[in-house]
Structures are given as C-alpha cells and as structure tokens.
PDB file of N, CA and C in Angstrom:
ATOM      1  N   MET A   1     -35.222  -0.290 -38.815  1.00  0.00           N
ATOM      2  CA  MET A   1     -33.684   1.077 -38.479  1.00  0.00           C
ATOM      3  C   MET A   1     -33.860   0.558 -36.657  1.00  0.00           C
ATOM      4  N   MET A   2     -34.888   0.351 -36.178  1.00  0.00           N
ATOM      5  CA  MET A   2     -34.695  -0.031 -33.879  1.00  0.00           C
ATOM      6  C   MET A   2     -33.697  -1.212 -33.955  1.00  0.00           C
ATOM      7  N   LYS A   3     -34.790  -2.133 -34.808  1.00  0.00           N
ATOM      8  CA  LYS A   3     -33.075  -3.256 -34.440  1.00  0.00           C
ATOM      9  C   LYS A   3     -32.223  -2.910 -34.386  1.00  0.00           C
ATOM     10  N   ARG A   4     -31.368  -1.738 -34.880  1.00  0.00           N
ATOM     11  CA  ARG A   4     -30.400  -2.048 -35.622  1.00  0.00           C
ATOM     12  C   ARG A   4     -29.527  -0.185 -34.258  1.00  0.00           C
ATOM     13  N   LEU A   5     -30.748  -0.439 -33.808  1.00  0.00           N
ATOM     14  CA  LEU A   5     -30.155   0.099 -32.293  1.00  0.00           C
ATOM     15  C   LEU A   5     -29.330  -0.669 -31.616  1.00  0.00           C
ATOM     16  N   ALA A   6     -30.854  -1.410 -31.256  1.00  0.00           N
ATOM     17  CA  ALA A   6     -31.070  -2.024 -30.222  1.00  0.00           C
ATOM     18  C   ALA A   6     -29.576  -2.757 -30.314  1.00  0.00           C
ATOM     19  N   SER A   7     -29.177  -3.391 -31.275  1.00  0.00           N
ATOM     20  CA  SER A   7     -28.442  -4.289 -31.781  1.00  0.00           C
ATOM     21  C   SER A   7     -27.119  -3.363 -31.214  1.00  0.00           C
ATOM     22  N   ILE A   8     -26.864  -1.763 -31.497  1.00  0.00           N
ATOM     23  CA  ILE A   8     -25.220  -1.502 -30.890  1.00  0.00           C
ATOM     24  C   ILE A   8     -25.899  -0.886 -29.365  1.00  0.00           C
ATOM     25  N   ARG A   9     -26.938  -0.335 -29.325  1.00  0.00           N
ATOM     26  CA  ARG A   9     -27.212   0.009 -27.250  1.00  0.00           C
ATOM     27  C   ARG A   9     -26.086  -2.037 -26.877  1.00  0.00           C
ATOM     28  N   PHE A  10     -27.293  -3.178 -27.579  1.00  0.00           N
ATOM     29  CA  PHE A  10     -26.789  -3.749 -26.665  1.00  0.00           C
ATOM     30  C   PHE A  10     -24.709  -4.141 -26.965  1.00  0.00           C
ATOM     31  N   TYR A  11     -24.489  -4.068 -28.084  1.00  0.00           N
ATOM     32  CA  TYR A  11     -22.903  -4.184 -27.804  1.00  0.00           C
ATOM     33  C   TYR A  11     -22.543  -3.267 -27.252  1.00  0.00           C
ATOM     34  N   ALA A  12     -22.836  -1.118 -26.896  1.00  0.00           N
ATOM     35  CA  ALA A  12     -22.347  -1.210 -26.155  1.00  0.00           C
ATOM     36  C   ALA A  12     -21.947  -1.360 -24.564  1.00  0.00           C
ATOM     37  N   LEU A  13     -23.484  -1.975 -24.361  1.00  0.00           N
ATOM     38  CA  LEU A  13     -23.193  -2.383 -23.210  1.00  0.00           C
ATOM     39  C   LEU A  13     -22.595  -3.710 -22.387  1.00  0.00           C
ATOM     40  N   ALA A  14     -22.432  -4.203 -22.999  1.00  0.00           N
ATOM     41  CA  ALA A  14     -20.578  -6.081 -23.475  1.00  0.00           C
ATOM     42  C   ALA A  14     -19.488  -5.052 -23.366  1.00  0.00           C
ATOM     43  N   VAL A  15     -19.238  -4.641 -23.876  1.00  0.00           N
ATOM     44  CA  VAL A  15     -18.859  -3.402 -24.116  1.00  0.00           C
ATOM     45  C   VAL A  15     -18.465  -2.924 -22.551  1.00  0.00           C
ATOM     46  N   CYS A  16     -19.362  -2.363 -22.160  1.00  0.00           N
ATOM     47  CA  CYS A  16     -18.896  -1.663 -21.260  1.00  0.00           C
ATOM     48  C   CYS A  16     -18.691  -2.797 -19.466  1.00  0.00           C
ATOM     49  N   PHE A  17     -19.430  -4.429 -19.919  1.00  0.00           N
ATOM     50  CA  PHE A  17     -19.165  -5.508 -18.840  1.00  0.00           C
ATOM     51  C   PHE A  17     -18.265  -5.735 -18.783  1.00  0.00           C
ATOM     52  N   VAL A  18     -17.677  -6.052 -19.975  1.00  0.00           N
ATOM     53  CA  VAL A  18     -16.624  -6.264 -20.066  1.00  0.00           C
ATOM     54  C   VAL A  18     -15.352  -5.275 -19.272  1.00  0.00           C
ATOM     55  N   SER A  19     -15.037  -4.461 -20.013  1.00  0.00           N
ATOM     56  CA  SER A  19     -13.900  -3.918 -19.549  1.00  0.00           C
ATOM     57  C   SER A  19     -14.873  -3.689 -17.509  1.00  0.00           C
ATOM     58  N   VAL A  20     -16.284  -3.087 -17.324  1.00  0.00           N
ATOM     59  CA  VAL A  20     -15.929  -3.023 -15.401  1.00  0.00           C
ATOM     60  C   VAL A  20     -14.741  -4.333 -15.233  1.00  0.00           C
ATOM     61  N   ILE A  21     -15.358  -5.789 -15.401  1.00  0.00           N
ATOM     62  CA  ILE A  21     -14.635  -7.002 -15.915  1.00  0.00           C
ATOM     63  C   ILE A  21     -12.898  -7.127 -15.068  1.00  0.00           C
ATOM     64  N   CYS A  22     -12.801  -6.170 -15.756  1.00  0.00           N
ATOM     65  CA  CYS A  22     -11.174  -6.379 -16.943  1.00  0.00           C
ATOM     66  C   CYS A  22     -10.312  -5.418 -15.752  1.00  0.00           C
ATOM     67  N   ILE A  23     -10.855  -3.697 -15.452  1.00  0.00           N
ATOM     68  CA  ILE A  23     -10.294  -2.753 -14.561  1.00  0.00           C
ATOM     69  C   ILE A  23     -10.035  -3.557 -13.206  1.00  0.00           C
ATOM     70  N   ALA A  24     -12.125  -4.772 -12.628  1.00  0.00           N
ATOM     71  CA  ALA A  24     -11.501  -5.217 -11.559  1.00  0.00           C
ATOM     72  C   ALA A  24     -10.748  -5.981 -11.193  1.00  0.00           C
ATOM     73  N   ILE A  25     -10.752  -6.515 -12.661  1.00  0.00           N
ATOM     74  CA  ILE A  25      -9.228  -7.779 -12.369  1.00  0.00           C
ATOM     75  C   ILE A  25      -7.787  -6.929 -11.767  1.00  0.00           C
ATOM     76  N   THR A  26      -7.582  -6.213 -13.075  1.00  0.00           N
ATOM     77  CA  THR A  26      -6.088  -5.510 -13.000  1.00  0.00           C
ATOM     78  C   THR A  26      -5.734  -4.651 -11.932  1.00  0.00           C
ATOM     79  N   THR A  27      -7.287  -4.324 -10.848  1.00  0.00           N
ATOM     80  CA  THR A  27      -7.605  -3.509  -9.145  1.00  0.00           C
ATOM     81  C   THR A  27      -6.720  -4.173  -8.711  1.00  0.00           C
ATOM     82  N   GLY A  28      -6.850  -5.636  -8.763  1.00  0.00           N
ATOM     83  CA  GLY A  28      -7.054  -6.939  -7.817  1.00  0.00           C
ATOM     84  C   GLY A  28      -4.951  -7.000  -7.595  1.00  0.00           C
ATOM     85  N   PHE A  29      -4.910  -7.138  -9.367  1.00  0.00           N
ATOM     86  CA  PHE A  29      -2.896  -7.143  -9.122  1.00  0.00           C
ATOM     87  C   PHE A  29      -2.567  -6.148  -8.496  1.00  0.00           C
ATOM     88  N   ALA A  30      -2.862  -4.345  -9.216  1.00  0.00           N
ATOM     89  CA  ALA A  30      -2.260  -3.157  -9.025  1.00  0.00           C
ATOM     90  C   ALA A  30      -2.459  -3.617  -6.579  1.00  0.00           C
ATOM     91  N   LEU A  31      -3.707  -4.257  -6.562  1.00  0.00           N
ATOM     92  CA  LEU A  31      -3.794  -3.615  -4.788  1.00  0.00           C
ATOM     93  C   LEU A  31      -2.297  -5.330  -4.297  1.00  0.00           C
ATOM     94  N   TYR A  32      -2.521  -5.958  -4.538  1.00  0.00           N
ATOM     95  CA  TYR A  32      -1.714  -7.297  -4.491  1.00  0.00           C
ATOM     96  C   TYR A  32      -0.130  -6.645  -5.157  1.00  0.00           C
ATOM     97  N   ASN A  33      -0.135  -6.179  -5.687  1.00  0.00           N
ATOM     98  CA  ASN A  33       1.952  -5.038  -5.903  1.00  0.00           C
ATOM     99  C   ASN A  33       1.987  -4.258  -4.605  1.00  0.00           C
ATOM    100  N   LEU A  34       0.991  -3.184  -4.842  1.00  0.00           N
ATOM    101  CA  LEU A  34       0.903  -2.467  -3.479  1.00  0.00           C
ATOM    102  C   LEU A  34       1.411  -2.580  -1.971  1.00  0.00           C
ATOM    103  N   MET A  35       0.907  -4.001  -1.717  1.00  0.00           N
ATOM    104  CA  MET A  35       0.766  -5.034  -0.571  1.00  0.00           C
ATOM    105  C   MET A  35       1.901  -5.448  -0.725  1.00  0.00           C
ATOM    106  N   THR A  36       2.787  -6.026  -1.893  1.00  0.00           N
ATOM    107  CA  THR A  36       4.190  -6.546  -1.713  1.00  0.00           C
ATOM    108  C   THR A  36       4.922  -5.813  -1.239  1.00  0.00           C
ATOM    109  N   LEU A  37       4.921  -3.745  -2.020  1.00  0.00           N
ATOM    110  CA  LEU A  37       5.996  -3.244  -1.753  1.00  0.00           C
ATOM    111  C   LEU A  37       5.602  -2.694  -0.683  1.00  0.00           C
ATOM    112  N   ALA A  38       4.989  -2.037   0.297  1.00  0.00           N
ATOM    113  CA  ALA A  38       4.673  -1.798   1.725  1.00  0.00           C
ATOM    114  C   ALA A  38       4.507  -2.958   2.702  1.00  0.00           C
ATOM    115  N   ALA A  39       4.225  -4.421   2.647  1.00  0.00           N
ATOM    116  CA  ALA A  39       4.637  -5.289   3.783  1.00  0.00           C
ATOM    117  C   ALA A  39       4.365  -6.184   3.019  1.00  0.00           C
ATOM    118  N   PRO A  40       5.841  -6.543   2.723  1.00  0.00           N
ATOM    119  CA  PRO A  40       6.795  -7.737   1.769  1.00  0.00           C
ATOM    120  C   PRO A  40       6.285  -9.322   2.872  1.00  0.00           C
ATOM    121  N   GLN A  41       6.497  -8.939   4.625  1.00  0.00           N
ATOM    122  CA  GLN A  41       6.718 -10.038   4.457  1.00  0.00           C
ATOM    123  C   GLN A  41       4.644 -10.467   5.012  1.00  0.00           C
ATOM    124  N   LEU A  42       3.984 -10.143   4.021  1.00  0.00           N
ATOM    125  CA  LEU A  42       2.933 -11.141   4.033  1.00  0.00           C
ATOM    126  C   LEU A  42       2.712 -11.345   2.656  1.00  0.00           C
ATOM    127  N   THR A  43       3.403 -11.187   2.270  1.00  0.00           N
ATOM    128  CA  THR A  43       2.603 -11.855   0.936  1.00  0.00           C
ATOM    129  C   THR A  43       4.111 -13.237   0.729  1.00  0.00           C
ATOM    130  N   ILE A  44       4.970 -12.868   1.190  1.00  0.00           N
ATOM    131  CA  ILE A  44       6.455 -14.153   0.864  1.00  0.00           C
ATOM    132  C   ILE A  44       5.781 -15.292   1.194  1.00  0.00           C
ATOM    133  N   ASP A  45       6.392 -16.297   0.870  1.00  0.00           N
ATOM    134  CA  ASP A  45       5.862 -17.783   0.985  1.00  0.00           C
ATOM    135  C   ASP A  45       6.210 -17.939   2.175  1.00  0.00           C
ATOM    136  N   PRO A  46       6.099 -18.580   3.515  1.00  0.00           N
ATOM    137  CA  PRO A  46       6.283 -18.990   4.852  1.00  0.00           C
ATOM    138  C   PRO A  46       7.981 -20.188   4.910  1.00  0.00           C
ATOM    139  N   TYR A  47       7.367 -21.079   3.736  1.00  0.00           N
ATOM    140  CA  TYR A  47       8.320 -22.408   3.997  1.00  0.00           C
ATOM    141  C   TYR A  47       9.789 -21.312   3.008  1.00  0.00           C
ATOM    142  N   ARG A  48      10.396 -20.673   1.989  1.00  0.00           N
ATOM    143  CA  ARG A  48      10.918 -19.168   1.629  1.00  0.00           C
ATOM    144  C   ARG A  48      12.015 -18.617   2.778  1.00  0.00           C
ATOM    145  N   ILE A  49      10.847 -18.514   3.022  1.00  0.00           N
ATOM    146  CA  ILE A  49      11.367 -17.442   4.577  1.00  0.00           C
ATOM    147  C   ILE A  49      11.914 -18.023   5.311  1.00  0.00           C
ATOM    148  N   GLN A  50      11.937 -18.474   5.774  1.00  0.00           N
ATOM    149  CA  GLN A  50      12.081 -20.268   6.514  1.00  0.00           C
ATOM    150  C   GLN A  50      13.849 -19.333   6.622  1.00  0.00           C
ATOM    151  N   HIS A  51      14.369 -20.217   5.527  1.00  0.00           N
ATOM    152  CA  HIS A  51      15.358 -20.013   5.557  1.00  0.00           C
ATOM    153  C   HIS A  51      16.447 -19.219   4.776  1.00  0.00           C
ATOM    154  N   LEU A  52      15.272 -17.319   5.218  1.00  0.00           N
ATOM    155  CA  LEU A  52      16.597 -16.464   5.129  1.00  0.00           C
ATOM    156  C   LEU A  52      15.734 -15.820   6.317  1.00  0.00           C
ATOM    157  N   SER A  53      15.711 -16.033   7.875  1.00  0.00           N
ATOM    158  CA  SER A  53      15.312 -16.188   8.831  1.00  0.00           C
ATOM    159  C   SER A  53      16.172 -16.100   9.668  1.00  0.00           C
ATOM    160  N   SER A  54      17.686 -16.784   9.479  1.00  0.00           N
ATOM    161  CA  SER A  54      18.710 -16.731   9.699  1.00  0.00           C
ATOM    162  C   SER A  54      20.414 -16.644   9.624  1.00  0.00           C
ATOM    163  N   ASN A  55      21.194 -15.876   9.454  1.00  0.00           N
ATOM    164  CA  ASN A  55      21.907 -16.756   8.559  1.00  0.00           C
ATOM    165  C   ASN A  55      22.414 -18.573   8.849  1.00  0.00           C
ATOM    166  N   THR A  56      22.373 -19.381  10.421  1.00  0.00           N
ATOM    167  CA  THR A  56      22.185 -20.523   9.987  1.00  0.00           C
ATOM    168  C   THR A  56      21.201 -21.362   9.415  1.00  0.00           C
ATOM    169  N   ALA A  57      20.573 -20.646   8.943  1.00  0.00           N
ATOM    170  CA  ALA A  57      18.876 -21.203   8.482  1.00  0.00           C
ATOM    171  C   ALA A  57      19.207 -21.500   6.122  1.00  0.00           C
ATOM    172  N   PHE A  58      20.510 -20.534   6.796  1.00  0.00           N
ATOM    173  CA  PHE A  58      20.731 -20.149   4.550  1.00  0.00           C
ATOM    174  C   PHE A  58      21.485 -21.443   4.365  1.00  0.00           C
ATOM    175  N   THR A  59      22.806 -21.251   5.410  1.00  0.00           N
ATOM    176  CA  THR A  59      23.628 -22.386   5.528  1.00  0.00           C
ATOM    177  C   THR A  59      22.595 -23.974   5.193  1.00  0.00           C
ATOM    178  N   GLN A  60      21.958 -24.224   6.079  1.00  0.00           N
ATOM    179  CA  GLN A  60      21.037 -25.628   5.993  1.00  0.00           C
ATOM    180  C   GLN A  60      20.492 -25.150   4.871  1.00  0.00           C
ATOM    181  N   SER A  61      20.494 -24.206   4.334  1.00  0.00           N
ATOM    182  CA  SER A  61      18.432 -24.644   3.242  1.00  0.00           C
ATOM    183  C   SER A  61      19.362 -25.064   2.156  1.00  0.00           C
ATOM    184  N   PRO A  62      19.040 -26.599   1.360  1.00  0.00           N
ATOM    185  CA  PRO A  62      19.211 -27.062  -0.049  1.00  0.00           C
ATOM    186  C   PRO A  62      19.292 -25.579  -1.172  1.00  0.00           C
ATOM    187  N   GLY A  63      19.498 -24.444  -1.177  1.00  0.00           N
ATOM    188  CA  GLY A  63      20.447 -23.375  -1.937  1.00  0.00           C
ATOM    189  C   GLY A  63      21.412 -22.756  -1.044  1.00  0.00           C
ATOM    190  N   ALA A  64      22.059 -23.956   0.003  1.00  0.00           N
ATOM    191  CA  ALA A  64      22.935 -22.176   0.132  1.00  0.00           C
ATOM    192  C   ALA A  64      24.208 -22.970  -0.290  1.00  0.00           C
ATOM    193  N   TYR A  65      24.389 -21.701  -1.697  1.00  0.00           N
ATOM    194  CA  TYR A  65      25.588 -22.368  -1.803  1.00  0.00           C
ATOM    195  C   TYR A  65      26.882 -21.620  -1.611  1.00  0.00           C
ATOM    196  N   LEU A  66      26.671 -20.961  -0.857  1.00  0.00           N
ATOM    197  CA  LEU A  66      27.402 -20.045  -0.160  1.00  0.00           C
ATOM    198  C   LEU A  66      28.544 -21.208   0.840  1.00  0.00           C
ATOM    199  N   SER A  67      27.704 -22.393   1.041  1.00  0.00           N
ATOM    200  CA  SER A  67      28.399 -22.836   2.743  1.00  0.00           C
ATOM    201  C   SER A  67      29.159 -23.664   2.024  1.00  0.00           C
ATOM    202  N   ARG A  68      28.957 -24.142   0.363  1.00  0.00           N
ATOM    203  CA  ARG A  68      29.480 -25.064  -0.326  1.00  0.00           C
ATOM    204  C   ARG A  68      31.168 -25.055  -1.236  1.00  0.00           C
ATOM    205  N   GLY A  69      31.099 -23.773  -0.853  1.00  0.00           N
ATOM    206  CA  GLY A  69      33.165 -23.372  -1.223  1.00  0.00           C
ATOM    207  C   GLY A  69      32.095 -22.212  -2.484  1.00  0.00           C
ATOM    208  N   PRO A  70      33.429 -22.754  -3.091  1.00  0.00           N
ATOM    209  CA  PRO A  70      33.615 -21.363  -4.241  1.00  0.00           C
ATOM    210  C   PRO A  70      32.940 -22.500  -5.531  1.00  0.00           C
ATOM    211  N   ALA A  71      33.232 -21.829  -6.114  1.00  0.00           N
ATOM    212  CA  ALA A  71      32.092 -22.195  -7.962  1.00  0.00           C
ATOM    213  C   ALA A  71      33.464 -22.542  -8.354  1.00  0.00           C
ATOM    214  N   PRO A  72      32.077 -23.642  -8.984  1.00  0.00           N
ATOM    215  CA  PRO A  72      33.199 -24.013 -10.161  1.00  0.00           C
ATOM    216  C   PRO A  72      33.267 -23.730 -11.276  1.00  0.00           C
ATOM    217  N   GLY A  73      35.394 -23.591 -11.638  1.00  0.00           N
ATOM    218  CA  GLY A  73      35.453 -22.518 -12.954  1.00  0.00           C
ATOM    219  C   GLY A  73      35.804 -21.238 -12.731  1.00  0.00           C
ATOM    220  N   LEU A  74      35.819 -21.088 -10.633  1.00  0.00           N
ATOM    221  CA  LEU A  74      37.095 -19.857 -10.531  1.00  0.00           C
ATOM    222  C   LEU A  74      38.304 -20.007  -9.907  1.00  0.00           C
ATOM    223  N   ILE A  75      39.007 -18.864 -10.784  1.00  0.00           N
ATOM    224  CA  ILE A  75      40.171 -19.405 -10.646  1.00  0.00           C
ATOM    225  C   ILE A  75      41.166 -19.185  -9.057  1.00  0.00           C
ATOM    226  N   THR A  76      41.258 -19.591  -7.957  1.00  0.00           N
ATOM    227  CA  THR A  76      41.697 -18.829  -7.369  1.00  0.00           C
ATOM    228  C   THR A  76      43.483 -18.625  -6.476  1.00  0.00           C
ATOM    229  N   GLY A  77      43.619 -18.253  -6.043  1.00  0.00           N
ATOM    230  CA  GLY A  77      45.379 -18.484  -6.520  1.00  0.00           C
ATOM    231  C   GLY A  77      46.093 -19.200  -5.723  1.00  0.00           C
ATOM    232  N   GLU A  78      45.958 -20.159  -5.662  1.00  0.00           N
ATOM    233  CA  GLU A  78      46.282 -21.910  -5.618  1.00  0.00           C
ATOM    234  C   GLU A  78      46.951 -21.834  -6.630  1.00  0.00           C
ATOM    235  N   GLU A  79      46.010 -21.910  -7.253  1.00  0.00           N
ATOM    236  CA  GLU A  79      45.823 -22.201  -8.832  1.00  0.00           C
ATOM    237  C   GLU A  79      47.510 -22.182  -9.255  1.00  0.00           C
ATOM    238  N   PHE A  80      46.926 -21.086  -8.881  1.00  0.00           N
ATOM    239  CA  PHE A  80      48.696 -20.112  -9.771  1.00  0.00           C
ATOM    240  C   PHE A  80      49.506 -20.806  -8.389  1.00  0.00           C
ATOM    241  N   ALA A  81      49.669 -21.014  -8.246  1.00  0.00           N
ATOM    242  CA  ALA A  81      51.313 -21.376  -7.839  1.00  0.00           C
ATOM    243  C   ALA A  81      51.723 -23.492  -7.757  1.00  0.00           C
ATOM    244  N   GLN A  82      50.850 -23.987  -8.202  1.00  0.00           N
ATOM    245  CA  GLN A  82      51.980 -24.508  -8.133  1.00  0.00           C
ATOM    246  C   GLN A  82      51.971 -24.749  -9.872  1.00  0.00           C
TER     247      GLN A  82
END
C-alpha cells in the first residue's frame, strides 16, 4: 500500500512539474505576442523594415512588384483597342 502511495505521489509531482514548464513556455509566447502588438518596431527584423521605411527604398527592394509594371495576365484598355 505504501509503495502505491509513493508512486501516485511521484506521478502527481511529475505532472505538476511538466505543467509548470508548459505554463512558462506559453507565458513566453504570450508576452512576445503582446510585445508585438504594443511595440511592433521591437519585433520586426531590421532587414525587412529597411525596405518598408520609405517609398524609394520600397521601389528599389527585391520584392517591389509595383515598380515592375502591371501583373501578367491583367487586361488593360490598350488590348481592347487593337
């Protein structure tokens, strides 16, 4: 009987220990997400934000699709005139 009680006590302590670790990890994620909402400039990658800092930087960035003209497959008024 005493050995079974010790096993149950050990199991309960192990479950509590794992729960505390899970709560600590979840709290870390929650704090990071709250910081993202409150102060986004602290969590944005500096490389990513330098392309978004001004219009000229954006148009010269590698992903500036607007500066390359209309998207392929778009119908413009000139095509109807032909």
